[in-house]
Amino acid sequence: MAIDSAPQPSDKESRAVIDKTLDKVKDQLRELNQYIWSNPELAYEEHKAHDAICHFLGAQGFTVTRHAYGVDTSFECLSGSEGRLINFNAEYDALPDIGHACGHNLIATSSIAAFLALSQLQKEFGLKGRVQLLGTPAEENGGGKAKLIEAGAYKGVDISLMSHGGPRNIVGIPSDGVAGVLMNARKELFVEYFGKNAHAGGNPWEGVNALDALVQAYNGISTLRQQIKPDERIHGAFLDVPKVANVIPAYTKSFWQIRSPSLEGLNKLITRVRSCVEGAALSTGCTVEIKEEGLYTDIVLNEMLCERFTGHMKGYGKELIQIHDKVLTGSSDVGNVSYVAPTLHSMFAIPTPDGCFPHHPSFTACAGTDEAHEEAIFTGKGLALLGWDMMSDDTLFKEVKSQWEGKVPAS
């Protein structure tokens, strides 16, 4: 049952509007994608991408809020005035040294295309509904979506949609993509040990060695890795360690990321990691400070969103795996969004050589090709059609919402 009394278009009519809308701006979209790819920027430093996208949207007649929700490199663009709110997330941050090796330029492109297409559908067929394109910086490091959630950017969002590029065998089975993927929940720990300086040769017994504490914690966590579940991960880096050998060090700092398939499992694993960290402090006589930051939750999958998106992409000749039930051991802050509203975080395939995966330098070049851009545009069309489903069909929306409510843990 549609939420409006106006006659609703057929799939063929909807696709025709989408194709026409995006064909008008195909050259500008390719230039925008190429500009973002050619100017990789790190978390919360995506000023060029932010300005370029905002300029593009303004040129299409949209009003854009720059530096939205107190985040300097975020933006918000809205169309429509009432009705259900469909959100598209545009990522555009890159990785240190290897640029867009995760293809966030393609995520931005697909979401921008989806926003333009759905906005035109809503306008042309006179359906009540609102469309939001949200600039979501710092996915790789910094949890931009988590900060935007806290600032109210997703307040009132009914459905959130996005898609991520990857190789054809991202889940080990060649395909044109995957509608639903599971990803690990993740949290960051910053650990500081405080000891006491002393001369390492003259009076070492008067020192309290913060490096010993760090090494013991590392060894304890390394041993712990043997006793964790197959999809769980713990990895760390030493941020501040002594630079000389003849002084008992009074300070060290390390950084850890802990991942588990569920938020519940993550919390249990963090407790075990903290025991290793605190035990090292106790055994060496140091004091320790632990700061927990950067929570990325697991992704709450929605079967109906996955089913509908798979069907729409099949209409464009793309054969997607509907749901891959094995956890991808990476993490994303879109998981946090999936705890706020029903969410689709799909994967679409781009041409890559064998053995090429995101976060590898070889993927950077692949993310900048014309072929990858075309796949992002196809994906944007599918996302727009899925957004149209959720905007126009009460029954489908209620089923999606019911599935989501049955999965999200009570707060």
Protein backbone atom coordinates (compact mmCIF):
# COMPACT_ATOMS: atom_id res chain seq x y z
CA MET A 1 0.00 0.00 0.00
CA ALA A 2 1.50 3.33 -1.01
CA ILE A 3 1.58 6.26 1.40
CA ASP A 4 0.26 8.62 -1.30
CA SER A 5 -2.95 8.50 -3.34
CA ALA A 6 -1.13 9.49 -6.55
CA PRO A 7 -0.61 6.67 -9.09
CA GLN A 8 2.78 5.07 -8.67
CA PRO A 9 5.13 4.50 -11.59
CA SER A 10 6.06 1.07 -12.87
CA ASP A 11 9.61 -0.21 -12.46
CA LYS A 12 10.22 0.61 -16.10
CA GLU A 13 9.04 4.18 -15.63
CA SER A 14 11.14 4.60 -12.49
CA ARG A 15 14.25 3.31 -14.23
CA ALA A 16 13.64 5.65 -17.15
CA VAL A 17 13.54 8.67 -14.83
CA ILE A 18 16.68 7.51 -13.01
CA ASP A 19 18.59 6.89 -16.23
CA LYS A 20 17.60 10.26 -17.66
CA THR A 21 18.48 12.10 -14.44
CA LEU A 22 21.95 10.62 -14.18
CA ASP A 23 22.67 10.79 -17.89
CA LYS A 24 22.30 14.58 -17.70
CA VAL A 25 25.15 14.85 -15.19
CA LYS A 26 27.26 11.87 -16.20
CA ASP A 27 30.27 13.96 -17.19
CA GLN A 28 30.14 16.06 -14.02
CA LEU A 29 29.81 12.95 -11.85
CA ARG A 30 32.86 11.38 -13.50
CA GLU A 31 34.86 14.58 -13.01
CA LEU A 32 33.81 14.75 -9.35
CA ASN A 33 34.75 11.12 -8.75
CA GLN A 34 38.12 11.63 -10.44
CA TYR A 35 38.80 14.79 -8.44
CA ILE A 36 38.16 13.03 -5.11
CA TRP A 37 40.30 10.06 -6.16
CA SER A 38 43.13 12.35 -7.33
CA ASN A 39 43.14 14.33 -4.09
CA PRO A 40 43.16 11.75 -1.28
CA GLU A 41 42.60 13.25 2.17
CA LEU A 42 42.74 11.68 5.61
CA ALA A 43 40.15 11.64 8.39
CA TYR A 44 38.63 15.05 9.17
CA GLU A 45 40.93 16.66 6.61
CA GLU A 46 38.72 16.02 3.56
CA HIS A 47 38.34 19.72 2.73
CA LYS A 48 38.77 19.39 -1.04
CA ALA A 49 36.26 16.54 -1.28
CA HIS A 50 33.81 18.40 0.97
CA ASP A 51 34.00 21.60 -1.09
CA ALA A 52 33.87 19.82 -4.45
CA ILE A 53 30.77 17.80 -3.55
CA CYS A 54 29.01 20.82 -2.06
CA HIS A 55 29.79 22.87 -5.17
CA PHE A 56 28.48 20.11 -7.42
CA LEU A 57 25.22 19.78 -5.47
CA GLY A 58 24.74 23.55 -5.43
CA ALA A 59 25.17 23.63 -9.20
CA GLN A 60 22.31 21.10 -9.46
CA GLY A 61 20.02 23.50 -7.60
CA PHE A 62 20.18 21.95 -4.13
CA THR A 63 20.72 23.82 -0.88
CA VAL A 64 23.70 22.39 0.95
CA THR A 65 24.64 22.82 4.60
CA ARG A 66 28.43 22.86 4.74
CA HIS A 67 30.37 21.86 7.87
CA ALA A 68 27.21 20.19 9.13
CA TYR A 69 26.54 19.12 12.73
CA GLY A 70 29.73 20.66 14.02
CA VAL A 71 31.95 18.41 11.88
CA ASP A 72 34.09 20.58 9.62
CA THR A 73 34.25 18.17 6.67
CA SER A 74 30.67 16.92 6.84
CA PHE A 75 27.76 18.30 4.83
CA GLU A 76 24.03 17.74 4.57
CA CYS A 77 21.79 18.07 1.53
CA LEU A 78 18.04 17.56 1.79
CA SER A 79 15.21 17.37 -0.71
CA GLY A 80 11.49 17.04 -0.10
CA SER A 81 9.60 18.54 2.82
CA GLU A 82 7.54 15.83 4.50
CA GLY A 83 7.19 12.08 4.74
CA ARG A 84 9.66 9.29 5.39
CA LEU A 85 13.32 10.25 5.44
CA ILE A 86 15.69 8.17 3.30
CA ASN A 87 19.39 8.70 4.05
CA PHE A 88 22.38 8.08 1.79
CA ASN A 89 25.88 8.13 3.27
CA ALA A 90 28.78 9.57 1.27
CA GLU A 91 32.26 8.59 2.45
CA TYR A 92 35.34 10.25 0.93
CA ASP A 93 38.30 9.81 3.29
CA ALA A 94 41.46 8.03 2.16
CA LEU A 95 44.29 6.04 3.71
CA PRO A 96 47.79 7.27 4.64
CA ASP A 97 50.35 6.82 1.85
CA ILE A 98 48.12 4.67 -0.39
CA GLY A 99 45.30 7.10 -1.16
CA HIS A 100 41.88 5.74 -2.07
CA ALA A 101 42.88 2.11 -1.59
CA CYS A 102 39.46 1.51 -0.04
CA GLY A 103 37.59 3.24 -2.84
CA HIS A 104 35.68 5.79 -0.80
CA ASN A 105 35.54 7.99 -3.89
CA LEU A 106 33.24 5.31 -5.30
CA ILE A 107 31.09 5.27 -2.16
CA ALA A 108 30.61 9.03 -2.51
CA THR A 109 29.80 8.66 -6.22
CA SER A 110 27.19 5.93 -5.72
CA SER A 111 25.48 7.80 -2.88
CA ILE A 112 25.45 11.11 -4.76
CA ALA A 113 23.95 9.35 -7.78
CA ALA A 114 21.32 7.68 -5.59
CA PHE A 115 20.42 11.00 -3.96
CA LEU A 116 19.99 12.76 -7.31
CA ALA A 117 17.93 9.91 -8.75
CA LEU A 118 15.60 9.45 -5.77
CA SER A 119 15.11 13.20 -5.38
CA GLN A 120 13.99 13.41 -9.01
CA LEU A 121 11.67 10.41 -8.63
CA GLN A 122 10.06 11.96 -5.58
CA LYS A 123 9.67 15.29 -7.34
CA GLU A 124 8.44 13.96 -10.67
CA PHE A 125 5.80 11.63 -9.26
CA GLY A 126 4.68 13.92 -6.45
CA LEU A 127 5.21 11.46 -3.62
CA LYS A 128 5.59 12.58 -0.05
CA GLY A 129 9.06 11.85 1.19
CA ARG A 130 12.42 13.34 2.10
CA VAL A 131 15.89 12.43 0.89
CA GLN A 132 19.09 13.16 2.81
CA LEU A 133 22.62 13.00 1.46
CA LEU A 134 24.98 13.11 4.40
CA GLY A 135 28.71 13.63 4.08
CA THR A 136 30.30 11.17 6.49
CA PRO A 137 34.04 11.78 6.90
CA ALA A 138 36.60 9.74 8.80
CA GLU A 139 35.32 6.20 8.35
CA GLU A 140 38.82 4.74 8.19
CA ASN A 141 39.95 6.31 11.44
CA GLY A 142 37.92 8.61 13.60
CA GLY A 143 34.35 7.29 13.52
CA GLY A 144 32.72 10.16 11.65
CA LYS A 145 29.30 8.55 11.62
CA ALA A 146 29.44 7.95 15.37
CA LYS A 147 30.11 11.65 15.92
CA LEU A 148 27.32 12.59 13.54
CA ILE A 149 24.91 10.30 15.37
CA GLU A 150 25.78 12.02 18.64
CA ALA A 151 25.23 15.41 16.99
CA GLY A 152 21.74 14.43 15.75
CA ALA A 153 22.47 13.98 12.04
CA TYR A 154 20.46 10.74 11.89
CA LYS A 155 17.56 11.94 14.01
CA GLY A 156 14.38 11.10 12.14
CA VAL A 157 16.09 8.91 9.53
CA ASP A 158 13.80 6.02 8.60
CA ILE A 159 16.16 4.11 6.28
CA SER A 160 19.92 4.45 5.71
CA LEU A 161 21.56 3.19 2.50
CA MET A 162 25.08 2.96 1.07
CA SER A 163 27.41 0.64 -0.84
CA HIS A 164 31.15 -0.10 -0.83
CA GLY A 165 33.30 -1.17 -3.76
CA GLY A 166 35.49 -4.26 -3.73
CA PRO A 167 36.83 -7.09 -5.92
CA ARG A 168 34.55 -9.73 -7.44
CA ASN A 169 35.73 -12.31 -4.91
CA ILE A 170 35.46 -10.12 -1.81
CA VAL A 171 33.70 -12.98 0.03
CA GLY A 172 35.59 -15.77 -1.71
CA ILE A 173 32.88 -16.38 -4.32
CA PRO A 174 33.00 -14.44 -7.62
CA SER A 175 29.96 -12.19 -7.96
CA ASP A 176 28.86 -8.70 -8.92
CA GLY A 177 28.52 -7.85 -5.26
CA VAL A 178 26.90 -8.73 -1.96
CA ALA A 179 23.75 -7.04 -0.67
CA GLY A 180 24.32 -7.91 2.97
CA VAL A 181 27.65 -8.38 4.73
CA LEU A 182 28.46 -8.89 8.39
CA MET A 183 31.37 -6.96 9.88
CA ASN A 184 33.10 -6.98 13.23
CA ALA A 185 32.37 -4.64 16.08
CA ARG A 186 35.51 -2.75 17.05
CA LYS A 187 36.83 -0.56 19.82
CA GLU A 188 40.13 1.25 20.34
CA LEU A 189 42.15 1.23 23.53
CA PHE A 190 44.89 3.73 24.34
CA VAL A 191 47.15 2.47 27.11
CA GLU A 192 49.63 4.60 29.05
CA TYR A 193 52.06 3.21 31.64
CA PHE A 194 53.67 5.45 34.22
CA GLY A 195 56.81 4.36 36.07
CA LYS A 196 59.92 6.06 37.45
CA ASN A 197 63.16 7.08 35.77
CA ALA A 198 66.52 5.84 37.02
CA HIS A 199 69.98 5.32 35.56
CA ALA A 200 69.94 1.93 33.85
CA GLY A 201 73.61 1.30 34.69
CA GLY A 202 74.00 3.11 38.00
CA ASN A 203 70.87 2.47 40.07
CA PRO A 204 68.30 0.54 38.04
CA TRP A 205 66.72 -0.85 41.21
CA GLU A 206 65.30 2.58 41.94
CA GLY A 207 63.43 2.73 38.63
CA VAL A 208 59.98 1.47 37.71
CA ASN A 209 60.12 0.33 34.10
CA ALA A 210 57.19 1.41 31.92
CA LEU A 211 58.69 -0.42 28.94
CA ASP A 212 58.65 -3.69 30.86
CA ALA A 213 54.96 -3.11 31.53
CA LEU A 214 54.25 -2.51 27.86
CA VAL A 215 56.22 -5.58 26.77
CA GLN A 216 54.48 -7.77 29.34
CA ALA A 217 51.10 -6.48 28.20
CA TYR A 218 52.02 -7.17 24.58
CA ASN A 219 53.15 -10.70 25.40
CA GLY A 220 50.02 -11.34 27.44
CA ILE A 221 47.78 -10.15 24.62
CA SER A 222 49.76 -12.20 22.11
CA THR A 223 49.17 -15.29 24.23
CA LEU A 224 45.50 -14.36 24.53
CA ARG A 225 45.20 -14.40 20.74
CA GLN A 226 45.60 -18.18 20.83
CA GLN A 227 42.44 -18.47 22.93
CA ILE A 228 40.04 -16.19 21.06
CA LYS A 229 37.40 -17.08 18.48
CA PRO A 230 38.37 -17.38 14.79
CA ASP A 231 36.72 -14.12 13.69
CA GLU A 232 38.01 -12.06 16.61
CA ARG A 233 41.06 -9.85 16.23
CA ILE A 234 43.45 -7.93 18.49
CA HIS A 235 46.19 -5.76 17.02
CA GLY A 236 48.28 -2.94 18.39
CA ALA A 237 50.98 -0.35 17.87
CA PHE A 238 53.59 1.25 20.14
CA LEU A 239 53.10 5.01 20.03
CA ASP A 240 55.60 6.26 22.61
CA VAL A 241 58.61 4.20 23.73
CA PRO A 242 62.11 5.07 25.04
CA LYS A 243 64.69 6.42 22.60
CA VAL A 244 67.75 5.68 24.75
CA ALA A 245 68.94 2.51 26.48
CA ASN A 246 70.65 3.88 29.58
CA VAL A 247 67.57 5.27 31.31
CA ILE A 248 64.84 3.22 32.97
CA PRO A 249 61.79 4.59 31.12
CA ALA A 250 59.02 6.21 33.11
CA TYR A 251 56.44 6.36 30.32
CA THR A 252 55.09 4.34 27.40
CA LYS A 253 51.95 4.56 25.29
CA SER A 254 50.32 1.99 23.02
CA PHE A 255 47.25 1.77 20.80
CA TRP A 256 45.07 -1.33 20.39
CA GLN A 257 42.12 -2.29 18.23
CA ILE A 258 39.87 -5.12 19.40
CA ARG A 259 37.31 -6.73 17.05
CA SER A 260 34.55 -9.28 17.54
CA PRO A 261 31.51 -10.29 15.45
CA SER A 262 29.05 -8.88 17.99
CA LEU A 263 28.94 -6.01 20.45
CA GLU A 264 28.41 -8.49 23.27
CA GLY A 265 31.46 -10.49 22.22
CA LEU A 266 33.50 -7.31 21.88
CA ASN A 267 32.74 -6.24 25.43
CA LYS A 268 33.82 -9.63 26.75
CA LEU A 269 37.04 -9.56 24.74
CA ILE A 270 37.87 -6.03 25.91
CA THR A 271 37.56 -7.24 29.51
CA ARG A 272 40.18 -9.91 28.80
CA VAL A 273 42.51 -7.44 27.11
CA ARG A 274 42.19 -5.05 30.03
CA SER A 275 43.18 -7.86 32.37
CA CYS A 276 46.42 -8.33 30.42
CA VAL A 277 47.10 -4.60 30.51
CA GLU A 278 46.29 -4.18 34.19
CA GLY A 279 48.18 -7.35 35.14
CA ALA A 280 51.34 -5.98 33.48
CA ALA A 281 51.04 -2.81 35.53
CA LEU A 282 50.64 -4.79 38.73
CA SER A 283 53.63 -7.04 38.08
CA THR A 284 55.99 -4.17 37.20
CA GLY A 285 54.84 -1.68 39.81
CA CYS A 286 53.64 0.83 37.21
CA THR A 287 50.37 2.69 37.18
CA VAL A 288 48.23 2.50 34.06
CA GLU A 289 45.60 4.64 32.36
CA ILE A 290 43.30 3.05 29.77
CA LYS A 291 41.09 5.10 27.48
CA GLU A 292 38.43 3.35 25.42
CA GLU A 293 37.47 5.17 22.22
CA GLY A 294 36.28 4.67 18.66
CA LEU A 295 33.45 2.17 19.05
CA TYR A 296 32.29 0.73 15.72
CA THR A 297 29.39 -1.65 16.30
CA ASP A 298 28.62 -4.74 14.26
CA ILE A 299 26.15 -4.34 11.37
CA VAL A 300 22.51 -5.21 11.98
CA LEU A 301 21.52 -6.97 8.74
CA ASN A 302 18.05 -6.47 7.31
CA GLU A 303 16.91 -9.32 5.10
CA MET A 304 14.18 -7.39 3.33
CA LEU A 305 16.49 -4.54 2.34
CA CYS A 306 19.00 -7.09 1.06
CA GLU A 307 16.32 -8.96 -0.92
CA ARG A 308 14.92 -5.83 -2.55
CA PHE A 309 18.34 -4.44 -3.42
CA THR A 310 19.41 -7.76 -4.97
CA GLY A 311 16.30 -7.69 -7.15
CA HIS A 312 16.88 -4.11 -8.29
CA MET A 313 20.50 -4.79 -9.20
CA LYS A 314 19.45 -7.88 -11.15
CA GLY A 315 17.32 -5.53 -13.24
CA TYR A 316 20.58 -3.84 -14.25
CA GLY A 317 22.17 -7.17 -15.12
CA LYS A 318 24.09 -7.53 -11.85
CA GLU A 319 24.01 -10.85 -9.99
CA LEU A 320 24.51 -10.21 -6.29
CA ILE A 321 24.84 -12.61 -3.39
CA GLN A 322 21.89 -11.65 -1.22
CA ILE A 323 23.54 -12.24 2.17
CA HIS A 324 26.98 -13.60 3.04
CA ASP A 325 26.68 -15.12 6.49
CA LYS A 326 30.40 -15.29 7.30
CA VAL A 327 31.76 -12.25 9.10
CA LEU A 328 34.14 -9.99 7.20
CA THR A 329 36.71 -9.24 9.86
CA GLY A 330 36.96 -5.55 8.99
CA SER A 331 34.83 -2.94 10.72
CA SER A 332 32.90 0.19 9.75
CA ASP A 333 31.13 2.98 11.59
CA VAL A 334 28.06 2.29 9.45
CA GLY A 335 27.44 -0.41 12.06
CA ASN A 336 26.64 2.39 14.50
CA VAL A 337 24.06 3.71 12.03
CA SER A 338 22.46 0.26 11.80
CA TYR A 339 21.70 0.49 15.53
CA VAL A 340 19.84 3.78 14.90
CA ALA A 341 17.81 2.91 11.78
CA PRO A 342 17.34 0.00 9.33
CA THR A 343 20.47 0.06 7.20
CA LEU A 344 21.85 -1.46 4.02
CA HIS A 345 25.64 -1.57 3.64
CA SER A 346 26.17 -3.53 0.45
CA MET A 347 29.29 -4.33 -1.60
CA PHE A 348 29.63 -3.89 -5.38
CA ALA A 349 32.34 -5.40 -7.55
CA ILE A 350 34.81 -3.41 -9.62
CA PRO A 351 37.43 -4.80 -12.04
CA THR A 352 40.61 -5.79 -10.21
CA PRO A 353 43.58 -8.07 -10.88
CA ASP A 354 43.83 -11.36 -9.01
CA GLY A 355 44.84 -10.95 -5.38
CA CYS A 356 43.81 -7.30 -5.21
CA PHE A 357 41.84 -6.27 -2.14
CA PRO A 358 40.94 -3.01 -0.38
CA HIS A 359 43.69 -1.44 1.76
CA HIS A 360 46.35 -2.64 -0.66
CA PRO A 361 48.15 -0.16 -2.96
CA SER A 362 47.02 -2.10 -6.04
CA PHE A 363 43.39 -1.31 -5.21
CA THR A 364 44.04 2.42 -5.42
CA ALA A 365 44.50 2.38 -9.18
CA CYS A 366 41.43 0.15 -9.63
CA ALA A 367 39.23 2.61 -7.69
CA GLY A 368 40.08 5.38 -10.16
CA THR A 369 39.11 3.68 -13.42
CA ASP A 370 36.19 4.46 -15.72
CA GLU A 371 34.95 0.90 -15.23
CA ALA A 372 34.83 1.30 -11.46
CA HIS A 373 32.95 4.57 -11.88
CA GLU A 374 30.34 2.88 -14.06
CA GLU A 375 29.79 0.20 -11.41
CA ALA A 376 29.30 2.93 -8.80
CA ILE A 377 26.65 4.58 -10.99
CA PHE A 378 24.80 1.28 -11.50
CA THR A 379 24.89 0.81 -7.74
CA GLY A 380 23.54 4.30 -7.17
CA LYS A 381 20.61 3.46 -9.43
CA GLY A 382 19.85 0.35 -7.38
CA LEU A 383 20.08 2.29 -4.13
CA ALA A 384 17.69 4.90 -5.50
CA LEU A 385 15.14 2.22 -6.40
CA LEU A 386 15.45 0.70 -2.94
CA GLY A 387 14.93 4.14 -1.41
CA TRP A 388 11.85 4.54 -3.59
CA ASP A 389 10.49 1.24 -2.27
CA MET A 390 10.90 2.44 1.30
CA MET A 391 9.39 5.83 0.52
CA SER A 392 6.38 4.62 -1.45
CA ASP A 393 5.33 1.28 0.01
CA ASP A 394 3.91 1.15 3.54
CA THR A 395 3.85 -2.63 3.70
CA LEU A 396 7.49 -3.05 2.72
CA PHE A 397 8.63 -0.30 5.05
CA LYS A 398 6.75 -1.78 8.00
CA GLU A 399 8.28 -5.21 7.34
CA VAL A 400 11.78 -3.71 7.18
CA LYS A 401 11.17 -1.75 10.38
CA SER A 402 9.76 -4.81 12.15
CA GLN A 403 12.77 -6.94 11.17
CA TRP A 404 15.11 -4.24 12.44
CA GLU A 405 13.29 -3.80 15.75
CA GLY A 406 13.49 -7.55 16.31
CA LYS A 407 17.29 -7.54 15.97
CA VAL A 408 18.53 -4.36 17.63
CA PRO A 409 19.47 -5.02 21.26
CA ALA A 410 17.41 -3.10 23.78
CA SER A 411 19.24 -0.01 25.00
